[in-house]
Amino acid sequence: MPPYIVLGMRDDEILKAFGKQLRELREQAGLSQEKLAEFADAHRNHEGLMERGGANPTLLMIVALARALKVRPAKLLERLR
């Protein structure tokens, strides 16, 4: 079965766009992957995997990341088109 196309993007493109936005916001906040993972109560390897588009974060993880970055959850989804 082919991947779903939502908003004109394949699943892998969605995850990569999310990861790129996550990395950009983390860097703007001046946080290392380790610190962001700590603040979001996530494992550092999982945080890195999300940034590379290799993990599909849950809604609760997106909220935890947003809290740690001090942004609204929607900010993490801005690159989705």
Protein backbone atom coordinates (compact mmCIF):
# COMPACT_ATOMS: atom_id res chain seq x y z
CA MET A 1 0.00 0.00 0.00
CA PRO A 2 1.48 3.41 -0.94
CA PRO A 3 2.02 6.01 1.78
CA TYR A 4 -0.82 8.38 2.45
CA ILE A 5 -0.58 11.84 0.92
CA VAL A 6 -1.78 14.51 3.33
CA LEU A 7 -1.38 18.20 2.66
CA GLY A 8 0.53 17.28 -0.50
CA MET A 9 3.24 15.49 1.50
CA ARG A 10 4.13 11.82 1.92
CA ASP A 11 4.49 10.44 5.43
CA ASP A 12 8.30 10.50 5.28
CA GLU A 13 8.24 14.12 4.07
CA ILE A 14 5.99 15.08 6.99
CA LEU A 15 8.38 13.51 9.50
CA LYS A 16 11.41 15.18 7.90
CA ALA A 17 9.67 18.58 7.86
CA PHE A 18 8.75 18.16 11.53
CA GLY A 19 12.32 17.19 12.36
CA LYS A 20 13.76 20.17 10.53
CA GLN A 21 11.43 22.52 12.40
CA LEU A 22 12.26 20.83 15.71
CA ARG A 23 16.01 21.22 15.12
CA GLU A 24 15.62 24.87 14.10
CA LEU A 25 13.55 25.73 17.18
CA ARG A 26 15.94 23.83 19.47
CA GLU A 27 18.93 25.70 18.06
CA GLN A 28 17.10 29.04 18.35
CA ALA A 29 16.44 28.21 22.00
CA GLY A 30 20.14 27.49 22.50
CA LEU A 31 19.49 23.94 23.69
CA SER A 32 21.47 20.79 23.01
CA GLN A 33 19.63 17.63 22.03
CA GLU A 34 20.41 16.29 25.49
CA LYS A 35 18.89 19.32 27.27
CA LEU A 36 15.77 19.36 25.11
CA ALA A 37 15.29 15.64 25.71
CA GLU A 38 15.70 16.19 29.45
CA PHE A 39 13.21 19.07 29.53
CA ALA A 40 10.69 17.11 27.41
CA ASP A 41 11.20 13.91 29.42
CA ALA A 42 12.36 12.07 26.31
CA HIS A 43 15.39 9.91 25.60
CA ARG A 44 18.20 11.81 23.86
CA ASN A 45 18.38 9.17 21.10
CA HIS A 46 14.65 9.55 20.43
CA GLU A 47 14.98 13.32 20.22
CA GLY A 48 17.78 12.96 17.67
CA LEU A 49 15.76 10.43 15.71
CA MET A 50 12.81 12.85 15.57
CA GLU A 51 15.10 15.59 14.24
CA ARG A 52 16.25 13.28 11.45
CA GLY A 53 12.66 12.39 10.53
CA GLY A 54 13.12 8.82 11.70
CA ALA A 55 10.49 8.78 14.44
CA ASN A 56 6.80 9.56 14.53
CA PRO A 57 6.20 11.55 17.75
CA THR A 58 2.95 11.20 19.62
CA LEU A 59 0.70 14.15 20.25
CA LEU A 60 1.82 14.15 23.90
CA MET A 61 5.47 14.24 22.81
CA ILE A 62 4.78 17.19 20.51
CA VAL A 63 3.17 19.02 23.44
CA ALA A 64 6.10 18.14 25.73
CA LEU A 65 8.61 19.39 23.14
CA ALA A 66 6.63 22.60 22.67
CA ARG A 67 6.58 23.21 26.43
CA ALA A 68 10.33 22.59 26.64
CA LEU A 69 10.91 25.01 23.75
CA LYS A 70 8.41 27.52 25.16
CA VAL A 71 6.39 27.61 21.94
CA ARG A 72 2.86 26.60 21.00
CA PRO A 73 2.58 23.04 19.62
CA ALA A 74 1.42 24.44 16.26
CA LYS A 75 4.86 26.09 15.86
CA LEU A 76 6.36 22.60 15.52
CA LEU A 77 4.01 21.87 12.61
CA GLU A 78 4.55 25.05 10.59
CA ARG A 79 6.60 23.36 7.85
CA LEU A 80 3.75 21.05 6.91
CA ARG A 81 2.24 22.17 3.64
